[in-house]
Amino acid sequence: MAQIFDTSAAQQDVAKDFLIGSRAAWQDINSRGGLHGRAVNHVSIEVDGTSASLRSAIASVRDNASCVVLSGTTGDPVATQVLDLIRQDNLSMAHAAPWLQNSTIEVDDRTFPIFAAHQEQIGHALRALAGVGVNDVGAVYASPQDYKLHREDIERVAAGLKLRLQSFRGEGDLTQLGQRLTAGTPAILLFLGGTPELIQLAQGLEKQQRQRYLVALADVNLQTVSQIGGARSTPIIVTQPVPVASSSLPVVRAYRDALARLFDEPPAQLSLAGFIAARYTYEVMSAVDGTLTRDSVLAAFQRRSSLDVGGYRVSFDPRRRSGAFVTQSMLTPDGRVVG
């Protein structure tokens, strides 16, 4: 099986952790007998986010007859492009459990997203705020692209919850935007963007006298924020479409055990997502009778059967997506992740 991961500056912190989790899962699977008694050759393919790099990656997968599935493509921009390229090339191969966060993309019959996308995460975050009596919320868009992608979802959900919303659209370095916020800006800011931009915004808020809370979506890496020190005075809350890494669910316990045995890495939500992506891929492929081929594996995924992956439920809706599950973790100013 092949896994495409994006090492571009904007996505490498997400892709690195996700890939570690997937590697831990496949190594653990192989240590227990592999798939149908054979070891799984997990091939990771590095791309830089460009169309040329992605086309080369897809070509290498297409031309490798022993490769029967794509699994755990990450991050979101690359997952979106891979979906399009598979469709354009009419590649008869399952694209399993990609880190597809974009809610607006129409999913075809070869792609199988199992994680809650931005729309569900935004709804969860805003409902949680409304539930504790928050009336005013700010929305900070890291770039014009983020504004275009998320504005309608946020405004619709905020209006439904009767939240007063102020919007701030960033361009370039967000440190200056954080410094410019006035006392009238809401104390809670929903952030739409990546890890580097979130760190810039948090650093820009350092000199603000009013305490603020940043609420970001799942493609922000809390561990990276903590390492760089981007939350010295500003608590950061992040939505995540997987259980907290301290959960007692069987799949999370298996993840922590495999990570401790195989990698010198602390548990993290994004690597847990990578682990779950691999385990889901394994569970579906295990149900294939006879020889594993591209067509037989694709047919197994296309059944879109509901699965319990060690307590993590996968159940597809009419949009061909699974993933209503959302939790939250908070990075405290002293560097602890609380889930």
C-alpha atoms as a PDB file:
ATOM      1  CA  MET A   1       0.000   0.000   0.000  1.00  0.00           C
ATOM      2  CA  ALA A   2       1.118   3.560  -0.695  1.00  0.00           C
ATOM      3  CA  GLN A   3       0.790   6.686   1.414  1.00  0.00           C
ATOM      4  CA  ILE A   4       1.330  10.135  -0.096  1.00  0.00           C
ATOM      5  CA  PHE A   5       2.385  12.848   2.345  1.00  0.00           C
ATOM      6  CA  ASP A   6       3.039  16.555   1.858  1.00  0.00           C
ATOM      7  CA  THR A   7       6.319  18.044   3.111  1.00  0.00           C
ATOM      8  CA  SER A   8       5.590  21.621   2.000  1.00  0.00           C
ATOM      9  CA  ALA A   9       6.135  24.292   4.663  1.00  0.00           C
ATOM     10  CA  ALA A  10       2.415  24.720   5.314  1.00  0.00           C
ATOM     11  CA  GLN A  11       1.663  21.001   5.754  1.00  0.00           C
ATOM     12  CA  GLN A  12       4.798  19.237   6.983  1.00  0.00           C
ATOM     13  CA  ASP A  13       3.934  19.474  10.698  1.00  0.00           C
ATOM     14  CA  VAL A  14       0.572  17.797  10.039  1.00  0.00           C
ATOM     15  CA  ALA A  15       1.909  15.189   7.597  1.00  0.00           C
ATOM     16  CA  LYS A  16       4.879  14.203   9.772  1.00  0.00           C
ATOM     17  CA  ASP A  17       2.769  13.200  12.761  1.00  0.00           C
ATOM     18  CA  PHE A  18       0.080  11.532  10.646  1.00  0.00           C
ATOM     19  CA  LEU A  19       2.715   9.459   8.841  1.00  0.00           C
ATOM     20  CA  ILE A  20       4.329   8.361  12.122  1.00  0.00           C
ATOM     21  CA  GLY A  21       0.977   7.049  13.335  1.00  0.00           C
ATOM     22  CA  SER A  22       0.407   5.138  10.098  1.00  0.00           C
ATOM     23  CA  ARG A  23       3.894   3.630  10.212  1.00  0.00           C
ATOM     24  CA  ALA A  24       3.330   2.526  13.795  1.00  0.00           C
ATOM     25  CA  ALA A  25       0.081   0.810  12.794  1.00  0.00           C
ATOM     26  CA  TRP A  26       1.491  -1.046   9.784  1.00  0.00           C
ATOM     27  CA  GLN A  27       4.594  -2.164  11.675  1.00  0.00           C
ATOM     28  CA  ASP A  28       2.384  -3.402  14.495  1.00  0.00           C
ATOM     29  CA  ILE A  29       0.122  -5.202  11.995  1.00  0.00           C
ATOM     30  CA  ASN A  30       3.124  -6.904  10.372  1.00  0.00           C
ATOM     31  CA  SER A  31       4.474  -7.970  13.775  1.00  0.00           C
ATOM     32  CA  ARG A  32       1.173  -9.807  14.320  1.00  0.00           C
ATOM     33  CA  GLY A  33       1.186 -11.688  11.028  1.00  0.00           C
ATOM     34  CA  GLY A  34       0.379  -8.991   8.511  1.00  0.00           C
ATOM     35  CA  LEU A  35      -2.561  -9.253   6.134  1.00  0.00           C
ATOM     36  CA  HIS A  36      -3.759 -12.731   5.157  1.00  0.00           C
ATOM     37  CA  GLY A  37      -0.480 -14.054   6.551  1.00  0.00           C
ATOM     38  CA  ARG A  38       1.725 -11.755   4.451  1.00  0.00           C
ATOM     39  CA  ALA A  39       3.626  -8.644   5.483  1.00  0.00           C
ATOM     40  CA  VAL A  40       2.285  -5.353   4.151  1.00  0.00           C
ATOM     41  CA  ASN A  41       4.826  -3.241   2.287  1.00  0.00           C
ATOM     42  CA  HIS A  42       3.979   0.299   3.431  1.00  0.00           C
ATOM     43  CA  VAL A  43       5.513   2.696   0.891  1.00  0.00           C
ATOM     44  CA  SER A  44       5.490   6.386   1.828  1.00  0.00           C
ATOM     45  CA  ILE A  45       5.739   8.835  -1.086  1.00  0.00           C
ATOM     46  CA  GLU A  46       6.912  12.363  -0.343  1.00  0.00           C
ATOM     47  CA  VAL A  47       5.473  15.270  -2.343  1.00  0.00           C
ATOM     48  CA  ASP A  48       6.011  19.021  -2.095  1.00  0.00           C
ATOM     49  CA  GLY A  49       2.419  20.062  -2.706  1.00  0.00           C
ATOM     50  CA  THR A  50       2.890  21.035  -6.355  1.00  0.00           C
ATOM     51  CA  SER A  51       0.833  19.563  -9.190  1.00  0.00           C
ATOM     52  CA  ALA A  52       3.959  18.186 -10.889  1.00  0.00           C
ATOM     53  CA  SER A  53       5.054  16.414  -7.712  1.00  0.00           C
ATOM     54  CA  LEU A  54       1.605  14.911  -7.203  1.00  0.00           C
ATOM     55  CA  ARG A  55       1.280  13.740 -10.793  1.00  0.00           C
ATOM     56  CA  SER A  56       4.633  11.995 -10.466  1.00  0.00           C
ATOM     57  CA  ALA A  57       3.504  10.324  -7.241  1.00  0.00           C
ATOM     58  CA  ILE A  58       0.246   9.101  -8.770  1.00  0.00           C
ATOM     59  CA  ALA A  59       2.124   7.801 -11.821  1.00  0.00           C
ATOM     60  CA  SER A  60       4.489   5.806  -9.600  1.00  0.00           C
ATOM     61  CA  VAL A  61       1.519   4.256  -7.805  1.00  0.00           C
ATOM     62  CA  ARG A  62      -0.321   3.505 -11.046  1.00  0.00           C
ATOM     63  CA  ASP A  63       2.731   1.848 -12.586  1.00  0.00           C
ATOM     64  CA  ASN A  64       3.477  -0.337  -9.543  1.00  0.00           C
ATOM     65  CA  ALA A  65       1.346  -3.436 -10.136  1.00  0.00           C
ATOM     66  CA  SER A  66       1.893  -4.710  -6.585  1.00  0.00           C
ATOM     67  CA  CYS A  67       0.299  -1.586  -5.066  1.00  0.00           C
ATOM     68  CA  VAL A  68      -3.407  -2.247  -4.427  1.00  0.00           C
ATOM     69  CA  VAL A  69      -4.498   0.717  -2.268  1.00  0.00           C
ATOM     70  CA  LEU A  70      -3.718   4.341  -1.393  1.00  0.00           C
ATOM     71  CA  SER A  71      -4.188   5.023   2.317  1.00  0.00           C
ATOM     72  CA  GLY A  72      -3.826   8.005   4.644  1.00  0.00           C
ATOM     73  CA  THR A  73      -3.005  10.748   2.127  1.00  0.00           C
ATOM     74  CA  THR A  74      -2.073  13.873   4.061  1.00  0.00           C
ATOM     75  CA  GLY A  75      -2.494  16.896   4.379  1.00  0.00           C
ATOM     76  CA  ASP A  76      -5.776  18.298   3.183  1.00  0.00           C
ATOM     77  CA  PRO A  77      -4.682  20.168   0.003  1.00  0.00           C
ATOM     78  CA  VAL A  78      -2.851  17.080  -1.271  1.00  0.00           C
ATOM     79  CA  ALA A  79      -5.744  14.773  -0.342  1.00  0.00           C
ATOM     80  CA  THR A  80      -8.059  17.008  -2.380  1.00  0.00           C
ATOM     81  CA  GLN A  81      -5.720  16.966  -5.386  1.00  0.00           C
ATOM     82  CA  VAL A  82      -5.228  13.178  -5.193  1.00  0.00           C
ATOM     83  CA  LEU A  83      -9.000  12.706  -5.245  1.00  0.00           C
ATOM     84  CA  ASP A  84      -9.163  14.808  -8.432  1.00  0.00           C
ATOM     85  CA  LEU A  85      -6.205  13.055 -10.095  1.00  0.00           C
ATOM     86  CA  ILE A  86      -7.600   9.577  -9.416  1.00  0.00           C
ATOM     87  CA  ARG A  87     -10.852  10.713 -10.997  1.00  0.00           C
ATOM     88  CA  GLN A  88      -9.135  12.316 -14.001  1.00  0.00           C
ATOM     89  CA  ASP A  89      -6.906   9.294 -14.630  1.00  0.00           C
ATOM     90  CA  ASN A  90      -9.791   6.882 -14.021  1.00  0.00           C
ATOM     91  CA  LEU A  91      -7.483   4.953 -11.693  1.00  0.00           C
ATOM     92  CA  SER A  92      -9.272   1.874 -10.366  1.00  0.00           C
ATOM     93  CA  MET A  93      -7.860   2.046  -6.849  1.00  0.00           C
ATOM     94  CA  ALA A  94      -9.279   2.746  -3.383  1.00  0.00           C
ATOM     95  CA  HIS A  95      -8.225   6.035  -1.756  1.00  0.00           C
ATOM     96  CA  ALA A  96      -8.775   5.102   1.881  1.00  0.00           C
ATOM     97  CA  ALA A  97      -8.950   7.355   4.949  1.00  0.00           C
ATOM     98  CA  PRO A  98      -7.310  10.499   3.508  1.00  0.00           C
ATOM     99  CA  TRP A  99      -6.885  13.564   5.735  1.00  0.00           C
ATOM    100  CA  LEU A 100      -9.627  15.270   3.687  1.00  0.00           C
ATOM    101  CA  GLN A 101     -10.683  18.256   5.788  1.00  0.00           C
ATOM    102  CA  ASN A 102     -12.337  20.254   3.001  1.00  0.00           C
ATOM    103  CA  SER A 103     -16.117  20.028   3.504  1.00  0.00           C
ATOM    104  CA  THR A 104     -16.986  21.340   0.042  1.00  0.00           C
ATOM    105  CA  ILE A 105     -15.342  18.588  -2.034  1.00  0.00           C
ATOM    106  CA  GLU A 106     -17.709  16.066  -3.594  1.00  0.00           C
ATOM    107  CA  VAL A 107     -16.532  12.558  -2.722  1.00  0.00           C
ATOM    108  CA  ASP A 108     -16.589   9.968  -5.515  1.00  0.00           C
ATOM    109  CA  ASP A 109     -16.841   6.164  -5.407  1.00  0.00           C
ATOM    110  CA  ARG A 110     -13.081   5.673  -5.016  1.00  0.00           C
ATOM    111  CA  THR A 111     -12.423   7.900  -1.991  1.00  0.00           C
ATOM    112  CA  PHE A 112     -13.378   6.941   1.577  1.00  0.00           C
ATOM    113  CA  PRO A 113     -13.005   9.756   4.161  1.00  0.00           C
ATOM    114  CA  ILE A 114     -13.492   8.609   7.762  1.00  0.00           C
ATOM    115  CA  PHE A 115     -12.667  11.808   9.697  1.00  0.00           C
ATOM    116  CA  ALA A 116     -14.964  14.748  10.449  1.00  0.00           C
ATOM    117  CA  ALA A 117     -14.303  17.612   8.043  1.00  0.00           C
ATOM    118  CA  HIS A 118     -14.143  21.352   8.721  1.00  0.00           C
ATOM    119  CA  GLN A 119     -17.907  21.840   8.575  1.00  0.00           C
ATOM    120  CA  GLU A 120     -18.515  19.391  11.431  1.00  0.00           C
ATOM    121  CA  GLN A 121     -15.603  20.808  13.430  1.00  0.00           C
ATOM    122  CA  ILE A 122     -16.823  24.386  13.046  1.00  0.00           C
ATOM    123  CA  GLY A 123     -20.308  23.367  14.141  1.00  0.00           C
ATOM    124  CA  HIS A 124     -18.930  21.512  17.167  1.00  0.00           C
ATOM    125  CA  ALA A 125     -16.730  24.442  18.241  1.00  0.00           C
ATOM    126  CA  LEU A 126     -19.453  27.069  17.914  1.00  0.00           C
ATOM    127  CA  ARG A 127     -22.097  24.920  19.616  1.00  0.00           C
ATOM    128  CA  ALA A 128     -19.690  24.324  22.504  1.00  0.00           C
ATOM    129  CA  LEU A 129     -19.158  28.076  22.865  1.00  0.00           C
ATOM    130  CA  ALA A 130     -22.880  28.826  22.693  1.00  0.00           C
ATOM    131  CA  GLY A 131     -23.486  26.109  25.290  1.00  0.00           C
ATOM    132  CA  VAL A 132     -21.354  27.899  27.891  1.00  0.00           C
ATOM    133  CA  GLY A 133     -23.026  31.263  27.371  1.00  0.00           C
ATOM    134  CA  VAL A 134     -20.675  32.893  24.875  1.00  0.00           C
ATOM    135  CA  ASN A 135     -22.509  35.474  22.748  1.00  0.00           C
ATOM    136  CA  ASP A 136     -19.683  37.150  20.804  1.00  0.00           C
ATOM    137  CA  VAL A 137     -17.120  35.300  18.685  1.00  0.00           C
ATOM    138  CA  GLY A 138     -14.431  36.490  16.307  1.00  0.00           C
ATOM    139  CA  ALA A 139     -13.414  34.566  13.197  1.00  0.00           C
ATOM    140  CA  VAL A 140      -9.817  35.025  12.042  1.00  0.00           C
ATOM    141  CA  TYR A 141      -9.090  33.819   8.503  1.00  0.00           C
ATOM    142  CA  ALA A 142      -5.381  33.257   7.927  1.00  0.00           C
ATOM    143  CA  SER A 143      -5.569  34.073   4.211  1.00  0.00           C
ATOM    144  CA  PRO A 144      -8.015  35.127   1.497  1.00  0.00           C
ATOM    145  CA  GLN A 145      -8.226  31.452   0.508  1.00  0.00           C
ATOM    146  CA  ASP A 146      -9.294  30.457   4.034  1.00  0.00           C
ATOM    147  CA  TYR A 147     -11.848  33.276   3.992  1.00  0.00           C
ATOM    148  CA  LYS A 148     -13.302  32.026   0.720  1.00  0.00           C
ATOM    149  CA  LEU A 149     -13.361  28.419   1.916  1.00  0.00           C
ATOM    150  CA  HIS A 150     -14.856  28.837   5.394  1.00  0.00           C
ATOM    151  CA  ARG A 151     -16.814  32.103   5.589  1.00  0.00           C
ATOM    152  CA  GLU A 152     -20.206  30.732   4.519  1.00  0.00           C
ATOM    153  CA  ASP A 153     -20.045  27.754   6.902  1.00  0.00           C
ATOM    154  CA  ILE A 154     -19.076  29.916   9.867  1.00  0.00           C
ATOM    155  CA  GLU A 155     -21.637  32.634   9.229  1.00  0.00           C
ATOM    156  CA  ARG A 156     -24.423  30.082   8.734  1.00  0.00           C
ATOM    157  CA  VAL A 157     -23.649  28.143  11.919  1.00  0.00           C
ATOM    158  CA  ALA A 158     -23.104  31.319  13.974  1.00  0.00           C
ATOM    159  CA  ALA A 159     -26.446  32.755  12.803  1.00  0.00           C
ATOM    160  CA  GLY A 160     -28.231  29.504  13.682  1.00  0.00           C
ATOM    161  CA  LEU A 161     -26.781  29.668  17.204  1.00  0.00           C
ATOM    162  CA  LYS A 162     -27.560  33.409  17.512  1.00  0.00           C
ATOM    163  CA  LEU A 163     -23.883  34.260  18.023  1.00  0.00           C
ATOM    164  CA  ARG A 164     -22.643  37.754  17.167  1.00  0.00           C
ATOM    165  CA  LEU A 165     -19.711  37.338  14.789  1.00  0.00           C
ATOM    166  CA  GLN A 166     -16.826  39.655  13.893  1.00  0.00           C
ATOM    167  CA  SER A 167     -14.578  38.628  10.998  1.00  0.00           C
ATOM    168  CA  PHE A 168     -10.877  39.374  10.477  1.00  0.00           C
ATOM    169  CA  ARG A 169      -9.155  38.488   7.220  1.00  0.00           C
ATOM    170  CA  GLY A 170      -5.386  38.043   7.315  1.00  0.00           C
ATOM    171  CA  GLU A 171      -2.805  38.416   4.579  1.00  0.00           C
ATOM    172  CA  GLY A 172       0.874  37.620   5.065  1.00  0.00           C
ATOM    173  CA  ASP A 173       2.333  37.614   8.585  1.00  0.00           C
ATOM    174  CA  LEU A 174      -0.487  37.431  11.164  1.00  0.00           C
ATOM    175  CA  THR A 175       1.659  38.808  13.978  1.00  0.00           C
ATOM    176  CA  GLN A 176       0.610  42.337  13.018  1.00  0.00           C
ATOM    177  CA  LEU A 177      -3.058  41.359  12.921  1.00  0.00           C
ATOM    178  CA  GLY A 178      -2.777  40.031  16.479  1.00  0.00           C
ATOM    179  CA  GLN A 179      -1.150  43.273  17.602  1.00  0.00           C
ATOM    180  CA  ARG A 180      -3.869  45.416  15.986  1.00  0.00           C
ATOM    181  CA  LEU A 181      -6.857  43.814  17.706  1.00  0.00           C
ATOM    182  CA  THR A 182      -8.684  46.300  19.915  1.00  0.00           C
ATOM    183  CA  ALA A 183     -10.317  45.931  23.311  1.00  0.00           C
ATOM    184  CA  GLY A 184     -13.640  45.545  21.525  1.00  0.00           C
ATOM    185  CA  THR A 185     -12.545  42.357  19.777  1.00  0.00           C
ATOM    186  CA  PRO A 186     -14.248  39.223  21.179  1.00  0.00           C
ATOM    187  CA  ALA A 187     -12.274  37.312  23.777  1.00  0.00           C
ATOM    188  CA  ILE A 188     -12.773  34.053  21.859  1.00  0.00           C
ATOM    189  CA  LEU A 189     -11.407  33.855  18.315  1.00  0.00           C
ATOM    190  CA  LEU A 190     -12.135  30.986  15.935  1.00  0.00           C
ATOM    191  CA  PHE A 191      -9.017  30.551  13.786  1.00  0.00           C
ATOM    192  CA  LEU A 192      -9.085  29.227  10.225  1.00  0.00           C
ATOM    193  CA  GLY A 193      -5.597  28.421   8.958  1.00  0.00           C
ATOM    194  CA  GLY A 194      -2.492  26.326   9.541  1.00  0.00           C
ATOM    195  CA  THR A 195       0.016  25.920  12.357  1.00  0.00           C
ATOM    196  CA  PRO A 196       2.563  28.578  11.231  1.00  0.00           C
ATOM    197  CA  GLU A 197      -0.141  31.235  10.913  1.00  0.00           C
ATOM    198  CA  LEU A 198      -1.658  30.308  14.286  1.00  0.00           C
ATOM    199  CA  ILE A 199       1.735  30.711  15.956  1.00  0.00           C
ATOM    200  CA  GLN A 200       2.120  34.147  14.351  1.00  0.00           C
ATOM    201  CA  LEU A 201      -1.321  35.231  15.580  1.00  0.00           C
ATOM    202  CA  ALA A 202      -0.670  33.927  19.100  1.00  0.00           C
ATOM    203  CA  GLN A 203       2.652  35.786  19.240  1.00  0.00           C
ATOM    204  CA  GLY A 204       0.928  38.950  18.054  1.00  0.00           C
ATOM    205  CA  LEU A 205      -1.541  38.652  20.933  1.00  0.00           C
ATOM    206  CA  GLU A 206       1.257  38.525  23.531  1.00  0.00           C
ATOM    207  CA  LYS A 207       1.100  42.256  24.280  1.00  0.00           C
ATOM    208  CA  GLN A 208      -2.688  42.453  24.374  1.00  0.00           C
ATOM    209  CA  GLN A 209      -4.001  43.314  27.831  1.00  0.00           C
ATOM    210  CA  ARG A 210      -7.244  41.403  27.348  1.00  0.00           C
ATOM    211  CA  GLN A 211      -7.098  37.622  27.794  1.00  0.00           C
ATOM    212  CA  ARG A 212      -8.083  35.811  24.615  1.00  0.00           C
ATOM    213  CA  TYR A 213      -8.715  32.204  23.653  1.00  0.00           C
ATOM    214  CA  LEU A 214      -7.957  30.812  20.193  1.00  0.00           C
ATOM    215  CA  VAL A 215     -10.092  27.981  18.845  1.00  0.00           C
ATOM    216  CA  ALA A 216      -8.543  26.246  15.803  1.00  0.00           C
ATOM    217  CA  LEU A 217      -9.453  23.285  13.601  1.00  0.00           C
ATOM    218  CA  ALA A 218      -7.831  19.855  13.418  1.00  0.00           C
ATOM    219  CA  ASP A 219      -5.134  20.636  10.855  1.00  0.00           C
ATOM    220  CA  VAL A 220      -3.255  22.614  13.501  1.00  0.00           C
ATOM    221  CA  ASN A 221      -0.513  20.688  15.313  1.00  0.00           C
ATOM    222  CA  LEU A 222      -0.632  21.506  19.036  1.00  0.00           C
ATOM    223  CA  GLN A 223       2.713  19.820  19.677  1.00  0.00           C
ATOM    224  CA  THR A 224       4.431  22.123  17.170  1.00  0.00           C
ATOM    225  CA  VAL A 225       2.768  25.166  18.737  1.00  0.00           C
ATOM    226  CA  SER A 226       3.969  24.037  22.159  1.00  0.00           C
ATOM    227  CA  GLN A 227       7.552  23.411  20.987  1.00  0.00           C
ATOM    228  CA  ILE A 228       7.836  26.846  19.387  1.00  0.00           C
ATOM    229  CA  GLY A 229       6.211  28.563  22.347  1.00  0.00           C
ATOM    230  CA  GLY A 230       3.338  30.104  20.452  1.00  0.00           C
ATOM    231  CA  ALA A 231       0.902  30.034  23.386  1.00  0.00           C
ATOM    232  CA  ARG A 232       2.843  31.627  26.225  1.00  0.00           C
ATOM    233  CA  SER A 233      -0.130  33.728  27.353  1.00  0.00           C
ATOM    234  CA  THR A 234      -2.968  32.595  25.074  1.00  0.00           C
ATOM    235  CA  PRO A 235      -4.761  29.287  25.629  1.00  0.00           C
ATOM    236  CA  ILE A 236      -5.364  27.448  22.333  1.00  0.00           C
ATOM    237  CA  ILE A 237      -8.218  24.996  21.839  1.00  0.00           C
ATOM    238  CA  VAL A 238      -8.151  22.655  18.830  1.00  0.00           C
ATOM    239  CA  THR A 239     -10.957  20.496  17.464  1.00  0.00           C
ATOM    240  CA  GLN A 240     -10.003  16.959  16.475  1.00  0.00           C
ATOM    241  CA  PRO A 241     -11.886  14.188  14.658  1.00  0.00           C
ATOM    242  CA  VAL A 242     -10.332  11.434  16.784  1.00  0.00           C
ATOM    243  CA  PRO A 243     -10.504  10.577  20.503  1.00  0.00           C
ATOM    244  CA  VAL A 244      -8.100  12.309  22.860  1.00  0.00           C
ATOM    245  CA  ALA A 245      -4.760  10.524  23.017  1.00  0.00           C
ATOM    246  CA  SER A 246      -5.349   9.612  26.683  1.00  0.00           C
ATOM    247  CA  SER A 247      -8.644   7.824  25.910  1.00  0.00           C
ATOM    248  CA  SER A 248      -9.247   4.275  27.158  1.00  0.00           C
ATOM    249  CA  LEU A 249     -10.729   3.109  23.827  1.00  0.00           C
ATOM    250  CA  PRO A 250      -9.039  -0.087  22.580  1.00  0.00           C
ATOM    251  CA  VAL A 251      -7.704   1.550  19.393  1.00  0.00           C
ATOM    252  CA  VAL A 252      -6.145   4.379  21.418  1.00  0.00           C
ATOM    253  CA  ARG A 253      -4.557   1.968  23.867  1.00  0.00           C
ATOM    254  CA  ALA A 254      -3.171  -0.026  20.925  1.00  0.00           C
ATOM    255  CA  TYR A 255      -1.846   3.217  19.426  1.00  0.00           C
ATOM    256  CA  ARG A 256      -0.073   4.252  22.623  1.00  0.00           C
ATOM    257  CA  ASP A 257       1.429   0.782  22.999  1.00  0.00           C
ATOM    258  CA  ALA A 258       2.681   0.644  19.397  1.00  0.00           C
ATOM    259  CA  LEU A 259       4.060   4.186  19.536  1.00  0.00           C
ATOM    260  CA  ALA A 260       5.939   3.455  22.756  1.00  0.00           C
ATOM    261  CA  ARG A 261       7.461   0.263  21.311  1.00  0.00           C
ATOM    262  CA  LEU A 262       8.331   1.522  17.846  1.00  0.00           C
ATOM    263  CA  PHE A 263       8.943   5.285  17.975  1.00  0.00           C
ATOM    264  CA  ASP A 264      10.473   7.794  20.342  1.00  0.00           C
ATOM    265  CA  GLU A 265       7.483  10.121  19.978  1.00  0.00           C
ATOM    266  CA  PRO A 266       4.862  11.343  22.475  1.00  0.00           C
ATOM    267  CA  PRO A 267       1.182  10.557  21.766  1.00  0.00           C
ATOM    268  CA  ALA A 268      -0.501  13.231  19.643  1.00  0.00           C
ATOM    269  CA  GLN A 269      -3.879  13.632  17.973  1.00  0.00           C
ATOM    270  CA  LEU A 270      -2.545  13.749  14.399  1.00  0.00           C
ATOM    271  CA  SER A 271      -0.446  10.598  14.755  1.00  0.00           C
ATOM    272  CA  LEU A 272      -3.459   8.896  16.365  1.00  0.00           C
ATOM    273  CA  ALA A 273      -5.433   9.863  13.234  1.00  0.00           C
ATOM    274  CA  GLY A 274      -2.728   8.263  11.076  1.00  0.00           C
ATOM    275  CA  PHE A 275      -2.881   5.113  13.194  1.00  0.00           C
ATOM    276  CA  ILE A 276      -6.676   4.915  12.873  1.00  0.00           C
ATOM    277  CA  ALA A 277      -6.453   5.498   9.102  1.00  0.00           C
ATOM    278  CA  ALA A 278      -4.126   2.505   8.745  1.00  0.00           C
ATOM    279  CA  ARG A 279      -6.211   0.303  11.047  1.00  0.00           C
ATOM    280  CA  TYR A 280      -9.377   1.119   9.088  1.00  0.00           C
ATOM    281  CA  THR A 281      -7.599   0.256   5.822  1.00  0.00           C
ATOM    282  CA  TYR A 282      -6.417  -3.029   7.320  1.00  0.00           C
ATOM    283  CA  GLU A 283      -9.897  -3.963   8.623  1.00  0.00           C
ATOM    284  CA  VAL A 284     -11.536  -3.466   5.220  1.00  0.00           C
ATOM    285  CA  MET A 285      -8.788  -5.337   3.355  1.00  0.00           C
ATOM    286  CA  SER A 286      -8.982  -8.216   5.857  1.00  0.00           C
ATOM    287  CA  ALA A 287     -12.554  -8.864   4.729  1.00  0.00           C
ATOM    288  CA  VAL A 288     -11.505  -9.537   1.107  1.00  0.00           C
ATOM    289  CA  ASP A 289     -11.818 -13.180   0.126  1.00  0.00           C
ATOM    290  CA  GLY A 290      -9.114 -14.560  -2.129  1.00  0.00           C
ATOM    291  CA  THR A 291      -6.333 -12.588  -3.802  1.00  0.00           C
ATOM    292  CA  LEU A 292      -5.911  -8.929  -2.932  1.00  0.00           C
ATOM    293  CA  THR A 293      -6.060  -6.959  -6.182  1.00  0.00           C
ATOM    294  CA  ARG A 294      -6.888  -3.344  -6.910  1.00  0.00           C
ATOM    295  CA  ASP A 295     -10.359  -4.333  -8.068  1.00  0.00           C
ATOM    296  CA  SER A 296     -11.142  -6.665  -5.152  1.00  0.00           C
ATOM    297  CA  VAL A 297      -9.885  -4.140  -2.585  1.00  0.00           C
ATOM    298  CA  LEU A 298     -11.802  -1.289  -4.221  1.00  0.00           C
ATOM    299  CA  ALA A 299     -14.971  -3.397  -4.236  1.00  0.00           C
ATOM    300  CA  ALA A 300     -14.553  -4.071  -0.506  1.00  0.00           C
ATOM    301  CA  PHE A 301     -14.252  -0.357   0.279  1.00  0.00           C
ATOM    302  CA  GLN A 302     -17.183   0.494  -1.983  1.00  0.00           C
ATOM    303  CA  ARG A 303     -19.506  -1.510   0.238  1.00  0.00           C
ATOM    304  CA  ARG A 304     -18.936   1.332   2.754  1.00  0.00           C
ATOM    305  CA  SER A 305     -19.787  -1.051   5.558  1.00  0.00           C
ATOM    306  CA  SER A 306     -20.029   0.331   9.075  1.00  0.00           C
ATOM    307  CA  LEU A 307     -17.012  -0.688  11.142  1.00  0.00           C
ATOM    308  CA  ASP A 308     -15.942  -0.501  14.755  1.00  0.00           C
ATOM    309  CA  VAL A 309     -12.192   0.159  14.679  1.00  0.00           C
ATOM    310  CA  GLY A 310     -11.348  -0.496  18.309  1.00  0.00           C
ATOM    311  CA  GLY A 311     -14.132   1.760  19.534  1.00  0.00           C
ATOM    312  CA  TYR A 312     -13.822   4.338  16.756  1.00  0.00           C
ATOM    313  CA  ARG A 313     -17.000   4.049  14.702  1.00  0.00           C
ATOM    314  CA  VAL A 314     -16.914   4.417  10.915  1.00  0.00           C
ATOM    315  CA  SER A 315     -20.347   4.821   9.311  1.00  0.00           C
ATOM    316  CA  PHE A 316     -20.860   6.557   5.977  1.00  0.00           C
ATOM    317  CA  ASP A 317     -23.639   9.044   5.219  1.00  0.00           C
ATOM    318  CA  PRO A 318     -25.365   9.822   1.878  1.00  0.00           C
ATOM    319  CA  ARG A 319     -22.503  12.197   0.996  1.00  0.00           C
ATOM    320  CA  ARG A 320     -20.101   9.217   1.117  1.00  0.00           C
ATOM    321  CA  ARG A 321     -18.412  10.613   4.200  1.00  0.00           C
ATOM    322  CA  SER A 322     -17.997   9.263   7.691  1.00  0.00           C
ATOM    323  CA  GLY A 323     -17.033  11.396  10.610  1.00  0.00           C
ATOM    324  CA  ALA A 324     -19.473  13.185  12.887  1.00  0.00           C
ATOM    325  CA  PHE A 325     -17.098  12.491  15.802  1.00  0.00           C
ATOM    326  CA  VAL A 326     -15.351  15.633  17.109  1.00  0.00           C
ATOM    327  CA  THR A 327     -13.583  16.315  20.395  1.00  0.00           C
ATOM    328  CA  GLN A 328     -11.397  19.170  21.622  1.00  0.00           C
ATOM    329  CA  SER A 329      -8.012  19.565  23.302  1.00  0.00           C
ATOM    330  CA  MET A 330      -6.479  22.668  24.847  1.00  0.00           C
ATOM    331  CA  LEU A 331      -2.870  23.810  24.941  1.00  0.00           C
ATOM    332  CA  THR A 332      -2.402  25.725  28.174  1.00  0.00           C
ATOM    333  CA  PRO A 333       0.072  28.624  28.503  1.00  0.00           C
ATOM    334  CA  ASP A 334       2.426  26.334  30.482  1.00  0.00           C
ATOM    335  CA  GLY A 335       2.655  23.940  27.521  1.00  0.00           C
ATOM    336  CA  ARG A 336       0.344  21.131  28.661  1.00  0.00           C
ATOM    337  CA  VAL A 337      -2.165  19.537  26.288  1.00  0.00           C
ATOM    338  CA  VAL A 338      -5.443  18.958  28.128  1.00  0.00           C
ATOM    339  CA  GLY A 339      -8.115  16.793  26.458  1.00  0.00           C
END
